């Protein structure tokens, strides 16, 4: 019985790892900014809310990359 190659998958893992590391750095940076805003009592500021929204998006992207 002959074997037939149906599909070949080539994933650029280096690019995925770099992108995931970049996202993680941004997450860490935003978390630090949130700590500073919290320390200064600015948890209701526009920047705090924007950072929180950005963190949700970045965490979602990070989790997707880690699962890939």
N, C-alpha and C. Protein backbone atom coordinates (compact mmCIF):
# COMPACT_ATOMS: atom_id res chain seq x y z
N UNK A 1 0.85 -1.17 0.00
CA UNK A 1 0.00 0.00 0.00
C UNK A 1 0.89 1.24 0.00
N UNK A 2 0.64 2.15 -0.91
CA UNK A 2 1.44 3.36 -1.03
C UNK A 2 0.91 4.44 -0.09
N UNK A 3 1.82 5.25 0.43
CA UNK A 3 1.43 6.38 1.29
C UNK A 3 1.32 7.63 0.43
N UNK A 4 0.29 8.39 0.66
CA UNK A 4 0.07 9.63 -0.08
C UNK A 4 0.09 10.78 0.92
N UNK A 5 0.89 11.80 0.63
CA UNK A 5 0.96 12.98 1.49
C UNK A 5 -0.23 13.87 1.15
N UNK A 6 -1.11 14.07 2.11
CA UNK A 6 -2.31 14.87 1.87
C UNK A 6 -2.03 16.34 2.16
N UNK A 7 -1.29 16.62 3.21
CA UNK A 7 -1.03 18.00 3.58
C UNK A 7 0.31 18.10 4.29
N UNK A 8 0.90 19.25 4.18
CA UNK A 8 2.14 19.52 4.89
C UNK A 8 1.96 20.85 5.61
N UNK A 9 2.25 20.88 6.87
CA UNK A 9 2.04 22.07 7.68
C UNK A 9 3.39 22.63 8.11
N UNK A 10 3.60 23.90 7.80
CA UNK A 10 4.85 24.56 8.16
C UNK A 10 4.51 25.79 9.00
N UNK A 11 4.80 25.72 10.28
CA UNK A 11 4.49 26.82 11.18
C UNK A 11 5.78 27.52 11.56
N UNK A 12 5.78 28.82 11.41
CA UNK A 12 6.94 29.62 11.77
C UNK A 12 6.89 29.88 13.27
N UNK A 13 7.44 28.95 14.04
CA UNK A 13 7.37 29.06 15.49
C UNK A 13 8.21 30.21 16.03
N UNK A 14 9.27 30.57 15.34
CA UNK A 14 10.10 31.69 15.81
C UNK A 14 9.30 32.98 15.82
N UNK A 15 8.52 33.21 14.77
CA UNK A 15 7.71 34.42 14.69
C UNK A 15 6.62 34.40 15.77
N UNK A 16 6.03 33.24 16.00
CA UNK A 16 5.00 33.11 17.03
C UNK A 16 5.58 33.37 18.42
N UNK A 17 6.75 32.84 18.69
CA UNK A 17 7.39 33.04 19.98
C UNK A 17 7.75 34.51 20.19
N UNK A 18 8.27 35.16 19.15
CA UNK A 18 8.62 36.58 19.25
C UNK A 18 7.37 37.43 19.49
N UNK A 19 6.31 37.15 18.75
CA UNK A 19 5.06 37.90 18.92
C UNK A 19 4.50 37.71 20.32
N UNK A 20 4.56 36.50 20.82
CA UNK A 20 4.06 36.21 22.17
C UNK A 20 4.89 36.94 23.22
N UNK A 21 6.19 36.97 23.04
CA UNK A 21 7.07 37.69 23.98
C UNK A 21 6.78 39.19 23.95
N UNK A 22 6.54 39.73 22.75
CA UNK A 22 6.23 41.16 22.63
C UNK A 22 4.91 41.49 23.33
N UNK A 23 3.92 40.62 23.16
CA UNK A 23 2.63 40.83 23.81
C UNK A 23 2.81 40.77 25.33
N UNK A 24 3.60 39.82 25.81
CA UNK A 24 3.83 39.68 27.25
C UNK A 24 4.51 40.92 27.83
N UNK A 25 5.46 41.48 27.09
CA UNK A 25 6.13 42.71 27.55
C UNK A 25 5.14 43.85 27.68
N UNK A 26 4.25 43.97 26.70
CA UNK A 26 3.24 45.03 26.73
C UNK A 26 2.27 44.82 27.89
N UNK A 27 1.90 43.57 28.14
CA UNK A 27 1.03 43.27 29.28
C UNK A 27 1.71 43.68 30.58
N UNK A 28 2.97 43.32 30.75
CA UNK A 28 3.71 43.68 31.96
C UNK A 28 3.80 45.19 32.14
N UNK A 29 4.01 45.89 31.04
CA UNK A 29 4.10 47.36 31.08
C UNK A 29 2.76 47.97 31.51
N UNK A 30 1.68 47.49 30.93
CA UNK A 30 0.36 48.01 31.30
C UNK A 30 0.00 47.68 32.74
N UNK A 31 0.38 46.50 33.21
CA UNK A 31 0.11 46.14 34.60
C UNK A 31 0.85 47.07 35.55
N UNK A 32 2.08 47.42 35.19
CA UNK A 32 2.85 48.36 36.02
C UNK A 32 2.19 49.73 36.02
N UNK A 33 1.74 50.17 34.85
CA UNK A 33 1.05 51.47 34.75
C UNK A 33 -0.22 51.46 35.60
N UNK A 34 -0.93 50.34 35.58
CA UNK A 34 -2.15 50.23 36.39
C UNK A 34 -1.83 50.32 37.89
N UNK A 35 -0.73 49.69 38.30
CA UNK A 35 -0.32 49.77 39.70
C UNK A 35 -0.04 51.21 40.10
N UNK A 36 0.65 51.94 39.23
CA UNK A 36 0.97 53.34 39.51
C UNK A 36 -0.31 54.19 39.60
N UNK A 37 -1.22 53.97 38.66
CA UNK A 37 -2.47 54.72 38.69
C UNK A 37 -3.28 54.39 39.95
N UNK A 38 -3.28 53.13 40.34
CA UNK A 38 -3.99 52.73 41.56
C UNK A 38 -3.35 53.37 42.78
N UNK A 39 -2.02 53.37 42.81
CA UNK A 39 -1.28 53.97 43.93
C UNK A 39 -1.60 55.46 44.06
N UNK A 40 -1.81 56.11 42.92
CA UNK A 40 -2.10 57.54 42.91
C UNK A 40 -3.59 57.84 43.02
N UNK A 41 -4.40 56.81 43.24
CA UNK A 41 -5.84 57.00 43.41
C UNK A 41 -6.57 57.37 42.13
N UNK A 42 -6.05 56.93 41.00
CA UNK A 42 -6.64 57.30 39.72
C UNK A 42 -7.34 56.12 39.04
N UNK A 43 -8.02 55.31 39.84
CA UNK A 43 -8.67 54.12 39.27
C UNK A 43 -9.91 54.44 38.44
N UNK A 44 -10.38 55.67 38.49
CA UNK A 44 -11.54 56.05 37.67
C UNK A 44 -11.14 56.96 36.51
N UNK A 45 -9.84 57.10 36.29
CA UNK A 45 -9.37 57.95 35.20
C UNK A 45 -9.57 57.27 33.85
N UNK A 46 -9.60 58.09 32.81
CA UNK A 46 -9.74 57.56 31.44
C UNK A 46 -8.58 56.63 31.11
N UNK A 47 -7.38 56.98 31.54
CA UNK A 47 -6.21 56.16 31.24
C UNK A 47 -6.31 54.79 31.89
N UNK A 48 -6.79 54.75 33.13
CA UNK A 48 -6.93 53.48 33.84
C UNK A 48 -7.91 52.57 33.10
N UNK A 49 -9.04 53.14 32.68
CA UNK A 49 -10.06 52.37 31.97
C UNK A 49 -9.53 51.90 30.62
N UNK A 50 -8.80 52.77 29.91
CA UNK A 50 -8.22 52.39 28.62
C UNK A 50 -7.20 51.26 28.81
N UNK A 51 -6.36 51.39 29.82
CA UNK A 51 -5.38 50.34 30.10
C UNK A 51 -6.06 49.02 30.41
N UNK A 52 -7.14 49.06 31.17
CA UNK A 52 -7.87 47.84 31.53
C UNK A 52 -8.43 47.17 30.28
N UNK A 53 -8.98 47.97 29.37
CA UNK A 53 -9.51 47.42 28.11
C UNK A 53 -8.38 46.83 27.27
N UNK A 54 -7.26 47.54 27.19
CA UNK A 54 -6.11 47.05 26.43
C UNK A 54 -5.57 45.75 27.02
N UNK A 55 -5.57 45.66 28.35
CA UNK A 55 -5.09 44.45 29.01
C UNK A 55 -5.96 43.24 28.65
N UNK A 56 -7.27 43.45 28.57
CA UNK A 56 -8.16 42.35 28.20
C UNK A 56 -7.82 41.84 26.80
N UNK A 57 -7.63 42.76 25.87
CA UNK A 57 -7.32 42.37 24.49
C UNK A 57 -5.97 41.66 24.43
N UNK A 58 -4.98 42.23 25.09
CA UNK A 58 -3.64 41.64 25.06
C UNK A 58 -3.60 40.27 25.75
N UNK A 59 -4.30 40.13 26.85
CA UNK A 59 -4.35 38.84 27.54
C UNK A 59 -5.00 37.78 26.66
N UNK A 60 -6.03 38.17 25.94
CA UNK A 60 -6.69 37.25 25.02
C UNK A 60 -5.72 36.83 23.92
N UNK A 61 -5.00 37.80 23.35
CA UNK A 61 -4.02 37.49 22.30
C UNK A 61 -2.91 36.61 22.84
N UNK A 62 -2.44 36.91 24.03
CA UNK A 62 -1.38 36.12 24.64
C UNK A 62 -1.82 34.66 24.84
N UNK A 63 -3.03 34.50 25.40
CA UNK A 63 -3.53 33.15 25.64
C UNK A 63 -3.71 32.38 24.34
N UNK A 64 -4.15 33.05 23.30
CA UNK A 64 -4.31 32.40 22.00
C UNK A 64 -2.95 31.95 21.46
N UNK A 65 -1.95 32.79 21.60
CA UNK A 65 -0.60 32.45 21.12
C UNK A 65 -0.01 31.29 21.90
N UNK A 66 -0.24 31.27 23.20
CA UNK A 66 0.31 30.20 24.03
C UNK A 66 -0.33 28.87 23.67
N UNK A 67 -1.60 28.89 23.33
CA UNK A 67 -2.31 27.65 22.98
C UNK A 67 -1.92 27.14 21.60
N UNK A 68 -1.38 28.04 20.75
CA UNK A 68 -1.07 27.65 19.36
C UNK A 68 0.08 26.69 19.29
